[in-house]
Amino acid sequence: QVQLVESGGGLVQFGGSLRLSCAASGSIFSIWSMSWYRQAPGKERELVAAITSGGSTNYGDSVKGRFTVSRDNAKNTVYLQMNSLKAEDTAVYYCSVDLTDYTGYEYYYWGQGTQVTVSS
């Protein structure tokens, strides 16, 4: 079993910053990619940012230049630094982890989600 615990969401003013964290624990042999998605009311879930085990990153077009994804492999934790926040960034943010456990099987796990609300 693997658990993902997210933290760092909340209410922030337009132009402000927040840092999200997602820590994975449990039966983990190796973590491949770690990603952040978000889902706003009435919209589909979309990719925000992703980072591979080698440190390569990928961002959604709407957050490029404002958000930064990073990871601490020793802590099995992925971070999302969000700057210059806009009202349209308001959503529930989910982390997703692609990993292999000690049985050798690959799994995708999702966090419980954390609400980010940007006030104008």
C-alpha atoms as a PDB file:
ATOM      1  CA  GLN A   1       0.000   0.000   0.000  1.00  0.00           C
ATOM      2  CA  VAL A   2       1.058   3.533  -0.787  1.00  0.00           C
ATOM      3  CA  GLN A   3      -0.240   6.745   0.687  1.00  0.00           C
ATOM      4  CA  LEU A   4       0.023  10.230  -0.790  1.00  0.00           C
ATOM      5  CA  VAL A   5      -0.412  13.141   1.572  1.00  0.00           C
ATOM      6  CA  GLU A   6      -0.854  16.593   0.091  1.00  0.00           C
ATOM      7  CA  SER A   7      -0.510  19.874   1.917  1.00  0.00           C
ATOM      8  CA  GLY A   8      -0.118  23.583   1.297  1.00  0.00           C
ATOM      9  CA  GLY A   9      -3.396  24.594  -0.290  1.00  0.00           C
ATOM     10  CA  GLY A  10      -5.485  27.491   0.902  1.00  0.00           C
ATOM     11  CA  LEU A  11      -6.780  30.960   0.150  1.00  0.00           C
ATOM     12  CA  VAL A  12      -4.435  33.504  -1.416  1.00  0.00           C
ATOM     13  CA  GLN A  13      -4.863  36.891  -3.017  1.00  0.00           C
ATOM     14  CA  PHE A  14      -4.373  37.617  -6.697  1.00  0.00           C
ATOM     15  CA  GLY A  15      -0.671  37.788  -7.462  1.00  0.00           C
ATOM     16  CA  GLY A  16       0.301  35.825  -4.379  1.00  0.00           C
ATOM     17  CA  SER A  17       2.173  32.573  -3.965  1.00  0.00           C
ATOM     18  CA  LEU A  18       1.588  29.133  -2.535  1.00  0.00           C
ATOM     19  CA  ARG A  19       3.685  26.001  -2.268  1.00  0.00           C
ATOM     20  CA  LEU A  20       2.079  22.592  -2.453  1.00  0.00           C
ATOM     21  CA  SER A  21       3.709  19.414  -1.187  1.00  0.00           C
ATOM     22  CA  CYS A  22       2.879  15.769  -1.779  1.00  0.00           C
ATOM     23  CA  ALA A  23       4.670  13.068   0.183  1.00  0.00           C
ATOM     24  CA  ALA A  24       4.507   9.406  -0.812  1.00  0.00           C
ATOM     25  CA  SER A  25       5.000   6.649   1.722  1.00  0.00           C
ATOM     26  CA  GLY A  26       4.531   2.911   1.980  1.00  0.00           C
ATOM     27  CA  SER A  27       5.640   0.011  -0.181  1.00  0.00           C
ATOM     28  CA  ILE A  28       7.713   1.990  -2.667  1.00  0.00           C
ATOM     29  CA  PHE A  29      10.593   0.531  -4.617  1.00  0.00           C
ATOM     30  CA  SER A  30      11.051   3.298  -7.124  1.00  0.00           C
ATOM     31  CA  ILE A  31       9.177   6.425  -8.168  1.00  0.00           C
ATOM     32  CA  TRP A  32       9.178   7.379 -11.805  1.00  0.00           C
ATOM     33  CA  SER A  33       7.187  10.500 -12.635  1.00  0.00           C
ATOM     34  CA  MET A  34       5.471  12.763 -10.127  1.00  0.00           C
ATOM     35  CA  SER A  35       2.792  15.116 -11.371  1.00  0.00           C
ATOM     36  CA  TRP A  36       0.327  17.770 -10.363  1.00  0.00           C
ATOM     37  CA  TYR A  37      -3.135  18.027 -11.891  1.00  0.00           C
ATOM     38  CA  ARG A  38      -5.975  20.370 -11.136  1.00  0.00           C
ATOM     39  CA  GLN A  39      -9.703  20.404 -11.602  1.00  0.00           C
ATOM     40  CA  ALA A  40     -11.865  23.483 -11.449  1.00  0.00           C
ATOM     41  CA  PRO A  41     -15.652  23.284 -11.026  1.00  0.00           C
ATOM     42  CA  GLY A  42     -17.312  22.250 -14.265  1.00  0.00           C
ATOM     43  CA  LYS A  43     -14.004  21.585 -15.994  1.00  0.00           C
ATOM     44  CA  GLU A  44     -11.972  18.513 -16.790  1.00  0.00           C
ATOM     45  CA  ARG A  45      -8.895  17.588 -14.836  1.00  0.00           C
ATOM     46  CA  GLU A  46      -5.799  19.028 -16.487  1.00  0.00           C
ATOM     47  CA  LEU A  47      -2.076  18.530 -16.165  1.00  0.00           C
ATOM     48  CA  VAL A  48      -0.341  21.351 -14.341  1.00  0.00           C
ATOM     49  CA  ALA A  49       3.222  20.067 -14.126  1.00  0.00           C
ATOM     50  CA  ALA A  50       5.197  16.851 -14.125  1.00  0.00           C
ATOM     51  CA  ILE A  51       8.728  15.835 -13.241  1.00  0.00           C
ATOM     52  CA  THR A  52      10.544  12.623 -14.085  1.00  0.00           C
ATOM     53  CA  SER A  53      12.956  10.722 -11.878  1.00  0.00           C
ATOM     54  CA  GLY A  54      15.764  12.336 -13.840  1.00  0.00           C
ATOM     55  CA  GLY A  55      14.468  15.828 -13.221  1.00  0.00           C
ATOM     56  CA  SER A  56      12.935  16.598 -16.614  1.00  0.00           C
ATOM     57  CA  THR A  57       9.888  18.802 -16.308  1.00  0.00           C
ATOM     58  CA  ASN A  58       6.761  19.498 -18.292  1.00  0.00           C
ATOM     59  CA  TYR A  59       4.197  22.244 -17.710  1.00  0.00           C
ATOM     60  CA  GLY A  60       0.717  23.089 -18.842  1.00  0.00           C
ATOM     61  CA  ASP A  61       0.662  26.140 -21.094  1.00  0.00           C
ATOM     62  CA  SER A  62      -1.370  28.213 -18.658  1.00  0.00           C
ATOM     63  CA  VAL A  63       1.205  27.941 -15.859  1.00  0.00           C
ATOM     64  CA  LYS A  64       4.494  28.162 -17.737  1.00  0.00           C
ATOM     65  CA  GLY A  65       6.742  30.801 -16.244  1.00  0.00           C
ATOM     66  CA  ARG A  66       4.681  31.042 -13.053  1.00  0.00           C
ATOM     67  CA  PHE A  67       4.777  27.551 -11.526  1.00  0.00           C
ATOM     68  CA  THR A  68       7.789  25.394 -10.729  1.00  0.00           C
ATOM     69  CA  VAL A  69       7.708  21.681  -9.991  1.00  0.00           C
ATOM     70  CA  SER A  70      10.497  20.000  -8.040  1.00  0.00           C
ATOM     71  CA  ARG A  71      11.067  16.793  -6.120  1.00  0.00           C
ATOM     72  CA  ASP A  72      13.112  15.456  -3.254  1.00  0.00           C
ATOM     73  CA  ASN A  73      13.820  11.833  -4.077  1.00  0.00           C
ATOM     74  CA  ALA A  74      15.169  11.091  -0.606  1.00  0.00           C
ATOM     75  CA  LYS A  75      11.822  12.146   0.863  1.00  0.00           C
ATOM     76  CA  ASN A  76       9.616  10.795  -1.965  1.00  0.00           C
ATOM     77  CA  THR A  77       8.087  14.244  -2.117  1.00  0.00           C
ATOM     78  CA  VAL A  78       7.050  16.482  -4.974  1.00  0.00           C
ATOM     79  CA  TYR A  79       6.504  20.221  -4.665  1.00  0.00           C
ATOM     80  CA  LEU A  80       4.669  22.814  -6.698  1.00  0.00           C
ATOM     81  CA  GLN A  81       5.717  26.410  -6.217  1.00  0.00           C
ATOM     82  CA  MET A  82       2.966  28.640  -7.546  1.00  0.00           C
ATOM     83  CA  ASN A  83       3.694  32.331  -8.111  1.00  0.00           C
ATOM     84  CA  SER A  84       1.722  35.182  -9.652  1.00  0.00           C
ATOM     85  CA  LEU A  85      -1.499  33.355  -8.933  1.00  0.00           C
ATOM     86  CA  LYS A  86      -4.611  34.276 -10.865  1.00  0.00           C
ATOM     87  CA  ALA A  87      -8.309  33.678 -10.272  1.00  0.00           C
ATOM     88  CA  GLU A  88      -8.288  31.027 -12.998  1.00  0.00           C
ATOM     89  CA  ASP A  89      -5.793  28.998 -10.956  1.00  0.00           C
ATOM     90  CA  THR A  90      -8.577  28.312  -8.456  1.00  0.00           C
ATOM     91  CA  ALA A  91      -9.109  24.555  -8.406  1.00  0.00           C
ATOM     92  CA  VAL A  92      -8.566  21.367  -6.469  1.00  0.00           C
ATOM     93  CA  TYR A  93      -4.973  20.281  -7.016  1.00  0.00           C
ATOM     94  CA  TYR A  94      -4.092  16.601  -7.070  1.00  0.00           C
ATOM     95  CA  CYS A  95      -0.720  14.947  -7.062  1.00  0.00           C
ATOM     96  CA  SER A  96      -0.151  11.772  -9.017  1.00  0.00           C
ATOM     97  CA  VAL A  97       2.735   9.362  -8.682  1.00  0.00           C
ATOM     98  CA  ASP A  98       3.898   6.634 -11.057  1.00  0.00           C
ATOM     99  CA  LEU A  99       5.823   4.058  -9.055  1.00  0.00           C
ATOM    100  CA  THR A 100       6.941   0.480  -8.777  1.00  0.00           C
ATOM    101  CA  ASP A 101       6.394  -1.358  -5.517  1.00  0.00           C
ATOM    102  CA  TYR A 102       8.399  -4.254  -4.092  1.00  0.00           C
ATOM    103  CA  THR A 103       6.369  -6.811  -6.021  1.00  0.00           C
ATOM    104  CA  GLY A 104       7.693  -5.262  -9.210  1.00  0.00           C
ATOM    105  CA  TYR A 105       4.365  -3.971 -10.432  1.00  0.00           C
ATOM    106  CA  GLU A 106       3.859  -0.413 -11.662  1.00  0.00           C
ATOM    107  CA  TYR A 107       1.007   1.637 -10.206  1.00  0.00           C
ATOM    108  CA  TYR A 108      -0.411   5.126 -10.475  1.00  0.00           C
ATOM    109  CA  TYR A 109      -1.573   6.686  -7.245  1.00  0.00           C
ATOM    110  CA  TRP A 110      -3.539   9.874  -6.644  1.00  0.00           C
ATOM    111  CA  GLY A 111      -3.562  12.174  -3.668  1.00  0.00           C
ATOM    112  CA  GLN A 112      -6.776  13.280  -1.969  1.00  0.00           C
ATOM    113  CA  GLY A 113      -6.610  16.763  -3.441  1.00  0.00           C
ATOM    114  CA  THR A 114      -6.036  20.152  -1.878  1.00  0.00           C
ATOM    115  CA  GLN A 115      -8.099  23.254  -2.564  1.00  0.00           C
ATOM    116  CA  VAL A 116      -6.417  26.370  -3.907  1.00  0.00           C
ATOM    117  CA  THR A 117      -8.548  29.503  -4.042  1.00  0.00           C
ATOM    118  CA  VAL A 118      -7.287  32.768  -5.494  1.00  0.00           C
ATOM    119  CA  SER A 119      -9.272  35.852  -4.573  1.00  0.00           C
ATOM    120  CA  SER A 120      -9.342  38.890  -6.823  1.00  0.00           C
END
